[in-house]
């Protein structure tokens, strides 16, 4: 299981905390940027991480900006990505169980480090149970994505 990471300058410090957490757990990851807290544009890094997940190179992705909104919108533009913006552990659990979300977005200016790491842990440790009703709903989303790509 590998994790693709991406952030802009507003999410850089929280991403560094997430990296420490992943290293403590021995979870492999790749940081697709940004490399410091200098002003930059979130789409570049959110899309890079999303493409790595969509290609199958990484199983999951985590992206961070100040609110989590912009970077989640960018990540969701990549075909095959279901990126959920979560500000609590219940949402993180349910987006994995119900939506089989493959990416998590966090808002560094919205959640503190301790809560963010709890959300990350929940997201990474919750498996998709594959219930028929959830699979059916995900298939409808994927079909819509295919129709819009034509």
N, C-alpha and C. Protein backbone atom coordinates (compact mmCIF):
# COMPACT_ATOMS: atom_id res chain seq x y z
N UNK A 1 0.85 -1.18 0.00
CA UNK A 1 0.00 0.00 0.00
C UNK A 1 0.89 1.24 0.00
N UNK A 2 0.78 2.04 -0.99
CA UNK A 2 1.54 3.28 -1.05
C UNK A 2 0.58 4.46 -1.08
N UNK A 3 1.08 5.60 -0.64
CA UNK A 3 0.27 6.81 -0.57
C UNK A 3 0.96 7.92 -1.36
N UNK A 4 0.21 8.52 -2.28
CA UNK A 4 0.68 9.68 -3.03
C UNK A 4 0.27 10.93 -2.26
N UNK A 5 1.21 11.84 -2.06
CA UNK A 5 0.94 13.06 -1.30
C UNK A 5 1.11 14.29 -2.18
N UNK A 6 0.31 15.31 -1.89
CA UNK A 6 0.47 16.58 -2.57
C UNK A 6 -0.09 17.69 -1.71
N UNK A 7 0.52 18.86 -1.83
CA UNK A 7 0.01 20.02 -1.11
C UNK A 7 0.46 21.28 -1.81
N UNK A 8 -0.19 22.37 -1.43
CA UNK A 8 0.33 23.68 -1.80
C UNK A 8 1.01 24.25 -0.57
N UNK A 9 1.40 25.51 -0.65
CA UNK A 9 2.09 26.15 0.47
C UNK A 9 1.24 26.18 1.74
N UNK A 10 -0.08 26.32 1.59
CA UNK A 10 -0.97 26.36 2.76
C UNK A 10 -1.08 25.02 3.46
N UNK A 11 -0.80 23.95 2.77
CA UNK A 11 -0.87 22.61 3.35
C UNK A 11 0.48 21.99 3.63
N UNK A 12 1.54 22.72 3.30
CA UNK A 12 2.89 22.15 3.41
C UNK A 12 3.22 21.64 4.83
N UNK A 13 3.00 22.44 5.84
CA UNK A 13 3.37 22.04 7.21
C UNK A 13 2.58 20.82 7.67
N UNK A 14 1.29 20.78 7.37
CA UNK A 14 0.49 19.61 7.74
C UNK A 14 0.95 18.39 6.96
N UNK A 15 1.29 18.56 5.69
CA UNK A 15 1.80 17.43 4.90
C UNK A 15 3.06 16.87 5.53
N UNK A 16 3.92 17.72 6.08
CA UNK A 16 5.14 17.25 6.75
C UNK A 16 4.79 16.41 7.97
N UNK A 17 3.74 16.79 8.70
CA UNK A 17 3.29 15.99 9.85
C UNK A 17 2.75 14.63 9.37
N UNK A 18 2.04 14.64 8.26
CA UNK A 18 1.51 13.39 7.69
C UNK A 18 2.66 12.49 7.26
N UNK A 19 3.69 13.07 6.67
CA UNK A 19 4.87 12.29 6.28
C UNK A 19 5.50 11.63 7.50
N UNK A 20 5.65 12.37 8.58
CA UNK A 20 6.21 11.78 9.82
C UNK A 20 5.34 10.62 10.29
N UNK A 21 4.03 10.81 10.24
CA UNK A 21 3.10 9.77 10.66
C UNK A 21 3.26 8.51 9.78
N UNK A 22 3.31 8.70 8.47
CA UNK A 22 3.46 7.56 7.55
C UNK A 22 4.78 6.85 7.80
N UNK A 23 5.83 7.60 8.03
CA UNK A 23 7.14 6.99 8.30
C UNK A 23 7.12 6.19 9.59
N UNK A 24 6.45 6.71 10.63
CA UNK A 24 6.35 5.98 11.90
C UNK A 24 5.61 4.66 11.72
N UNK A 25 4.63 4.65 10.83
CA UNK A 25 3.86 3.43 10.57
C UNK A 25 4.50 2.54 9.51
N UNK A 26 5.55 2.99 8.88
CA UNK A 26 6.21 2.21 7.83
C UNK A 26 5.40 2.14 6.56
N UNK A 27 4.58 3.15 6.30
CA UNK A 27 3.75 3.18 5.09
C UNK A 27 4.52 3.91 3.99
N UNK A 28 4.74 3.25 2.86
CA UNK A 28 5.47 3.92 1.77
C UNK A 28 4.65 5.07 1.18
N UNK A 29 5.35 6.09 0.73
CA UNK A 29 4.68 7.25 0.16
C UNK A 29 5.61 7.92 -0.84
N UNK A 30 5.01 8.78 -1.64
CA UNK A 30 5.79 9.67 -2.50
C UNK A 30 5.17 11.04 -2.39
N UNK A 31 6.01 12.03 -2.18
CA UNK A 31 5.57 13.42 -2.08
C UNK A 31 5.70 14.07 -3.46
N UNK A 32 4.57 14.45 -4.03
CA UNK A 32 4.55 15.07 -5.34
C UNK A 32 4.63 16.60 -5.25
N UNK A 33 4.96 17.11 -4.08
CA UNK A 33 5.15 18.55 -3.89
C UNK A 33 3.94 19.17 -3.24
N UNK A 34 4.13 20.37 -2.89
CA UNK A 34 5.23 21.30 -3.07
C UNK A 34 6.36 21.00 -2.08
N UNK A 35 7.51 21.61 -2.33
CA UNK A 35 8.68 21.29 -1.54
C UNK A 35 8.98 22.22 -0.39
N UNK A 36 8.22 23.31 -0.27
CA UNK A 36 8.41 24.23 0.84
C UNK A 36 7.17 25.11 0.95
N UNK A 37 7.21 26.10 1.82
CA UNK A 37 6.03 26.94 2.07
C UNK A 37 5.97 28.19 1.19
N UNK A 38 6.74 28.20 0.11
CA UNK A 38 6.68 29.33 -0.83
C UNK A 38 5.36 29.28 -1.60
N UNK A 39 4.77 30.43 -1.88
CA UNK A 39 3.49 30.45 -2.62
C UNK A 39 3.56 29.66 -3.93
N UNK A 40 2.53 28.88 -4.15
CA UNK A 40 2.46 28.04 -5.35
C UNK A 40 0.99 27.76 -5.65
N UNK A 41 0.73 26.99 -6.70
CA UNK A 41 -0.63 26.70 -7.14
C UNK A 41 -1.00 25.25 -6.85
N UNK A 42 -2.07 25.07 -6.07
CA UNK A 42 -2.48 23.72 -5.64
C UNK A 42 -2.82 22.76 -6.77
N UNK A 43 -3.40 23.21 -7.91
CA UNK A 43 -3.76 22.21 -8.93
C UNK A 43 -2.58 21.36 -9.39
N UNK A 44 -1.42 21.97 -9.52
CA UNK A 44 -0.24 21.25 -10.00
C UNK A 44 0.05 20.02 -9.13
N UNK A 45 0.00 20.19 -7.83
CA UNK A 45 0.40 19.12 -6.91
C UNK A 45 -0.75 18.15 -6.62
N UNK A 46 -1.96 18.67 -6.57
CA UNK A 46 -3.13 17.81 -6.39
C UNK A 46 -3.32 16.88 -7.57
N UNK A 47 -3.14 17.41 -8.77
CA UNK A 47 -3.30 16.60 -9.98
C UNK A 47 -2.18 15.57 -10.09
N UNK A 48 -0.95 15.96 -9.76
CA UNK A 48 0.17 15.00 -9.83
C UNK A 48 -0.07 13.81 -8.91
N UNK A 49 -0.52 14.08 -7.69
CA UNK A 49 -0.80 12.98 -6.76
C UNK A 49 -1.98 12.14 -7.27
N UNK A 50 -3.00 12.80 -7.79
CA UNK A 50 -4.17 12.08 -8.30
C UNK A 50 -3.82 11.19 -9.48
N UNK A 51 -2.99 11.67 -10.37
CA UNK A 51 -2.58 10.86 -11.52
C UNK A 51 -1.82 9.61 -11.07
N UNK A 52 -1.03 9.74 -10.01
CA UNK A 52 -0.29 8.59 -9.49
C UNK A 52 -1.24 7.55 -8.90
N UNK A 53 -2.33 8.00 -8.30
CA UNK A 53 -3.33 7.07 -7.77
C UNK A 53 -4.14 6.46 -8.92
N UNK A 54 -4.58 7.29 -9.85
CA UNK A 54 -5.39 6.80 -10.97
C UNK A 54 -4.63 5.78 -11.82
N UNK A 55 -3.32 5.94 -11.93
CA UNK A 55 -2.51 5.02 -12.74
C UNK A 55 -2.29 3.68 -12.03
N UNK A 56 -2.58 3.63 -10.73
CA UNK A 56 -2.35 2.42 -9.96
C UNK A 56 -0.97 2.37 -9.32
N UNK A 57 -0.17 3.38 -9.56
CA UNK A 57 1.16 3.42 -8.95
C UNK A 57 1.07 3.47 -7.43
N UNK A 58 0.04 4.19 -6.93
CA UNK A 58 -0.22 4.28 -5.50
C UNK A 58 -1.67 3.91 -5.24
N UNK A 59 -1.90 3.26 -4.11
CA UNK A 59 -3.25 2.79 -3.78
C UNK A 59 -4.15 3.94 -3.34
N UNK A 60 -3.58 4.87 -2.58
CA UNK A 60 -4.37 5.98 -2.05
C UNK A 60 -3.57 7.26 -2.16
N UNK A 61 -4.29 8.38 -2.00
CA UNK A 61 -3.63 9.67 -2.02
C UNK A 61 -4.16 10.57 -0.93
N UNK A 62 -3.33 11.50 -0.50
CA UNK A 62 -3.72 12.51 0.48
C UNK A 62 -3.22 13.85 -0.05
N UNK A 63 -4.13 14.81 -0.14
CA UNK A 63 -3.77 16.13 -0.62
C UNK A 63 -4.23 17.18 0.40
N UNK A 64 -3.45 18.26 0.50
CA UNK A 64 -3.71 19.26 1.54
C UNK A 64 -3.51 20.66 0.97
N UNK A 65 -4.47 21.53 1.22
CA UNK A 65 -4.30 22.96 1.00
C UNK A 65 -4.92 23.66 2.21
N UNK A 66 -5.07 24.95 2.16
CA UNK A 66 -5.57 25.67 3.34
C UNK A 66 -6.96 25.21 3.74
N UNK A 67 -7.87 25.09 2.78
CA UNK A 67 -9.24 24.64 3.10
C UNK A 67 -9.49 23.20 2.69
N UNK A 68 -8.69 22.68 1.79
CA UNK A 68 -8.92 21.35 1.22
C UNK A 68 -9.87 21.37 0.04
N UNK A 69 -10.53 22.49 -0.16
CA UNK A 69 -11.55 22.57 -1.22
C UNK A 69 -10.91 22.58 -2.60
N UNK A 70 -10.03 23.53 -2.84
CA UNK A 70 -9.44 23.66 -4.17
C UNK A 70 -8.68 22.43 -4.61
N UNK A 71 -7.88 21.88 -3.72
CA UNK A 71 -7.06 20.73 -4.09
C UNK A 71 -7.92 19.48 -4.29
N UNK A 72 -9.05 19.39 -3.57
CA UNK A 72 -9.95 18.24 -3.80
C UNK A 72 -10.66 18.38 -5.15
N UNK A 73 -11.04 19.60 -5.51
CA UNK A 73 -11.66 19.82 -6.83
C UNK A 73 -10.67 19.44 -7.93
N UNK A 74 -9.42 19.89 -7.79
CA UNK A 74 -8.41 19.57 -8.79
C UNK A 74 -8.21 18.05 -8.90
N UNK A 75 -8.05 17.38 -7.77
CA UNK A 75 -7.82 15.93 -7.78
C UNK A 75 -8.99 15.20 -8.44
N UNK A 76 -10.19 15.66 -8.18
CA UNK A 76 -11.38 14.99 -8.73
C UNK A 76 -11.55 15.19 -10.23
N UNK A 77 -10.75 16.03 -10.85
CA UNK A 77 -10.77 16.19 -12.31
C UNK A 77 -10.05 15.05 -13.01
N UNK A 78 -9.28 14.27 -12.26
CA UNK A 78 -8.54 13.15 -12.84
C UNK A 78 -9.46 11.93 -12.89
N UNK A 79 -9.58 11.34 -14.07
CA UNK A 79 -10.44 10.17 -14.25
C UNK A 79 -10.04 9.06 -13.29
N UNK A 80 -11.03 8.50 -12.61
CA UNK A 80 -10.80 7.39 -11.69
C UNK A 80 -10.57 7.81 -10.25
N UNK A 81 -10.58 9.09 -10.01
CA UNK A 81 -10.33 9.58 -8.65
C UNK A 81 -11.65 9.90 -7.96
N UNK A 82 -11.74 9.45 -6.72
CA UNK A 82 -12.83 9.82 -5.83
C UNK A 82 -12.17 10.40 -4.58
N UNK A 83 -11.99 11.71 -4.60
CA UNK A 83 -11.31 12.42 -3.52
C UNK A 83 -12.35 13.06 -2.62
N UNK A 84 -12.27 12.75 -1.34
CA UNK A 84 -13.22 13.26 -0.36
C UNK A 84 -12.53 14.24 0.58
N UNK A 85 -13.14 15.40 0.74
CA UNK A 85 -12.67 16.39 1.70
C UNK A 85 -13.29 16.04 3.05
N UNK A 86 -12.46 15.73 4.02
CA UNK A 86 -12.95 15.31 5.34
C UNK A 86 -12.38 16.21 6.43
N UNK A 87 -13.26 16.55 7.37
CA UNK A 87 -12.85 17.35 8.53
C UNK A 87 -13.11 16.62 9.84
N UNK A 88 -13.49 15.33 9.73
CA UNK A 88 -13.74 14.53 10.93
C UNK A 88 -13.52 13.06 10.59
N UNK A 89 -13.35 12.25 11.61
CA UNK A 89 -13.05 10.83 11.39
C UNK A 89 -14.27 10.05 10.90
N UNK A 90 -15.47 10.48 11.27
CA UNK A 90 -16.67 9.78 10.80
C UNK A 90 -16.78 9.88 9.28
N UNK A 91 -16.57 11.08 8.75
CA UNK A 91 -16.61 11.25 7.29
C UNK A 91 -15.53 10.42 6.60
N UNK A 92 -14.35 10.39 7.20
CA UNK A 92 -13.25 9.60 6.63
C UNK A 92 -13.61 8.12 6.59
N UNK A 93 -14.21 7.63 7.64
CA UNK A 93 -14.62 6.22 7.70
C UNK A 93 -15.70 5.93 6.67
N UNK A 94 -16.71 6.78 6.63
CA UNK A 94 -17.84 6.52 5.74
C UNK A 94 -17.50 6.71 4.27
N UNK A 95 -16.58 7.62 3.96
CA UNK A 95 -16.22 7.78 2.55
C UNK A 95 -15.46 6.57 2.03
N UNK A 96 -14.75 5.90 2.91
CA UNK A 96 -14.09 4.65 2.51
C UNK A 96 -15.12 3.52 2.40
N UNK A 97 -16.00 3.41 3.40
CA UNK A 97 -16.98 2.31 3.41
C UNK A 97 -18.06 2.47 2.34
N UNK A 98 -18.49 3.68 2.07
CA UNK A 98 -19.62 3.90 1.15
C UNK A 98 -19.18 4.29 -0.26
N UNK A 99 -18.09 5.04 -0.37
CA UNK A 99 -17.69 5.58 -1.67
C UNK A 99 -16.40 4.98 -2.21
N UNK A 100 -15.76 4.13 -1.44
CA UNK A 100 -14.45 3.59 -1.81
C UNK A 100 -13.54 4.72 -2.29
N UNK A 101 -13.57 5.86 -1.55
CA UNK A 101 -12.73 6.99 -1.92
C UNK A 101 -11.28 6.55 -1.94
N UNK A 102 -10.56 6.97 -2.97
CA UNK A 102 -9.15 6.60 -3.08
C UNK A 102 -8.22 7.77 -2.75
N UNK A 103 -8.81 8.93 -2.50
CA UNK A 103 -8.01 10.08 -2.07
C UNK A 103 -8.73 10.84 -0.97
N UNK A 104 -7.93 11.39 -0.08
CA UNK A 104 -8.41 12.20 1.03
C UNK A 104 -7.86 13.61 0.86
N UNK A 105 -8.72 14.60 1.04
CA UNK A 105 -8.28 15.99 1.06
C UNK A 105 -8.48 16.54 2.46
N UNK A 106 -7.53 17.35 2.89
CA UNK A 106 -7.59 17.98 4.21
C UNK A 106 -7.35 19.47 4.08
N UNK A 107 -7.98 20.23 4.94
CA UNK A 107 -7.76 21.67 5.02
C UNK A 107 -6.89 21.99 6.21
N UNK A 108 -5.65 22.38 5.95
CA UNK A 108 -4.71 22.66 7.04
C UNK A 108 -5.17 23.82 7.91
N UNK A 109 -5.92 24.75 7.33
CA UNK A 109 -6.42 25.87 8.11
C UNK A 109 -7.73 25.57 8.81
N UNK A 110 -8.26 24.39 8.60
CA UNK A 110 -9.55 23.99 9.16
C UNK A 110 -9.39 23.01 10.30
N UNK A 111 -8.52 22.01 10.12
CA UNK A 111 -8.32 20.98 11.15
C UNK A 111 -6.91 21.10 11.73
N UNK A 112 -6.79 20.86 12.99
CA UNK A 112 -5.47 20.85 13.64
C UNK A 112 -4.74 19.57 13.34
N UNK A 113 -3.49 19.54 13.73
CA UNK A 113 -2.64 18.39 13.43
C UNK A 113 -3.18 17.10 14.03
N UNK A 114 -3.56 17.10 15.29
CA UNK A 114 -4.02 15.87 15.94
C UNK A 114 -5.26 15.31 15.26
N UNK A 115 -6.23 16.18 14.98
CA UNK A 115 -7.43 15.73 14.28
C UNK A 115 -7.09 15.24 12.88
N UNK A 116 -6.23 15.98 12.18
CA UNK A 116 -5.85 15.58 10.82
C UNK A 116 -5.22 14.20 10.81
N UNK A 117 -4.34 13.93 11.75
CA UNK A 117 -3.70 12.61 11.79
C UNK A 117 -4.70 11.52 12.14
N UNK A 118 -5.69 11.83 12.96
CA UNK A 118 -6.77 10.86 13.23
C UNK A 118 -7.59 10.58 11.98
N UNK A 119 -7.84 11.62 11.20
CA UNK A 119 -8.58 11.46 9.94
C UNK A 119 -7.76 10.60 8.97
N UNK A 120 -6.47 10.88 8.87
CA UNK A 120 -5.58 10.10 8.00
C UNK A 120 -5.59 8.63 8.43
N UNK A 121 -5.44 8.38 9.71
CA UNK A 121 -5.43 7.01 10.22
C UNK A 121 -6.73 6.29 9.88
N UNK A 122 -7.85 6.95 10.11
CA UNK A 122 -9.15 6.35 9.82
C UNK A 122 -9.28 6.05 8.34
N UNK A 123 -8.91 7.01 7.51
CA UNK A 123 -9.00 6.84 6.06
C UNK A 123 -8.15 5.67 5.58
N UNK A 124 -6.92 5.60 6.06
CA UNK A 124 -6.02 4.54 5.61
C UNK A 124 -6.39 3.16 6.15
N UNK A 125 -6.97 3.11 7.35
CA UNK A 125 -7.25 1.82 7.98
C UNK A 125 -8.64 1.28 7.71
N UNK A 126 -9.51 2.06 7.11
CA UNK A 126 -10.88 1.60 6.83
C UNK A 126 -10.91 0.99 5.44
N UNK A 127 -11.39 -0.23 5.37
CA UNK A 127 -11.47 -0.90 4.07
C UNK A 127 -12.87 -0.74 3.48
N UNK A 128 -12.93 -0.84 2.18
CA UNK A 128 -14.21 -0.81 1.48
C UNK A 128 -14.80 -2.21 1.53
N UNK A 129 -15.97 -2.38 2.17
CA UNK A 129 -16.52 -3.73 2.34
C UNK A 129 -17.16 -4.29 1.07
N UNK A 130 -17.41 -3.46 0.08
CA UNK A 130 -17.93 -3.95 -1.20
C UNK A 130 -19.40 -4.33 -1.18
N UNK A 131 -20.19 -3.72 -0.31
CA UNK A 131 -21.63 -4.02 -0.31
C UNK A 131 -22.22 -3.66 -1.67
N UNK A 132 -23.20 -4.46 -2.09
CA UNK A 132 -23.79 -4.29 -3.42
C UNK A 132 -24.31 -2.89 -3.65
N UNK A 133 -25.02 -2.32 -2.69
CA UNK A 133 -25.61 -0.99 -2.89
C UNK A 133 -24.53 0.07 -3.10
N UNK A 134 -23.41 -0.05 -2.41
CA UNK A 134 -22.34 0.92 -2.59
C UNK A 134 -21.62 0.71 -3.92
N UNK A 135 -21.42 -0.54 -4.30
CA UNK A 135 -20.81 -0.84 -5.60
C UNK A 135 -21.68 -0.32 -6.73
N UNK A 136 -22.97 -0.48 -6.60
CA UNK A 136 -23.91 0.00 -7.62
C UNK A 136 -23.81 1.52 -7.77
N UNK A 137 -23.75 2.22 -6.66
CA UNK A 137 -23.68 3.68 -6.69
C UNK A 137 -22.36 4.17 -7.26
N UNK A 138 -21.28 3.52 -6.91
CA UNK A 138 -19.97 3.88 -7.45
C UNK A 138 -19.95 3.62 -8.95
N UNK A 139 -20.55 2.52 -9.39
CA UNK A 139 -20.61 2.22 -10.82
C UNK A 139 -21.37 3.31 -11.58
N UNK A 140 -22.40 3.87 -10.97
CA UNK A 140 -23.14 4.96 -11.61
C UNK A 140 -22.27 6.21 -11.75
N UNK A 141 -21.48 6.49 -10.74
CA UNK A 141 -20.55 7.62 -10.81
C UNK A 141 -19.52 7.38 -11.91
N UNK A 142 -18.98 6.18 -11.96
CA UNK A 142 -17.98 5.85 -12.98
C UNK A 142 -18.57 5.92 -14.38
N UNK A 143 -19.84 5.50 -14.54
CA UNK A 143 -20.49 5.58 -15.84
C UNK A 143 -20.66 7.03 -16.26
N UNK A 144 -21.03 7.87 -15.35
CA UNK A 144 -21.18 9.30 -15.63
C UNK A 144 -19.84 9.88 -16.06
N UNK A 145 -18.77 9.46 -15.40
CA UNK A 145 -17.43 9.93 -15.75
C UNK A 145 -17.09 9.51 -17.19
N UNK A 146 -17.41 8.28 -17.56
CA UNK A 146 -17.14 7.80 -18.91
C UNK A 146 -17.94 8.59 -19.93
N UNK A 147 -19.20 8.85 -19.65
CA UNK A 147 -20.04 9.60 -20.57
C UNK A 147 -19.52 11.02 -20.78
N UNK A 148 -19.00 11.62 -19.73
CA UNK A 148 -18.50 12.98 -19.83
C UNK A 148 -17.14 13.07 -20.48
N UNK A 149 -16.46 11.95 -20.63
CA UNK A 149 -15.14 11.93 -21.28
C UNK A 149 -15.27 11.82 -22.80
N UNK A 150 -16.45 11.51 -23.28
CA UNK A 150 -16.64 11.32 -24.73
C UNK A 150 -16.93 12.61 -25.44
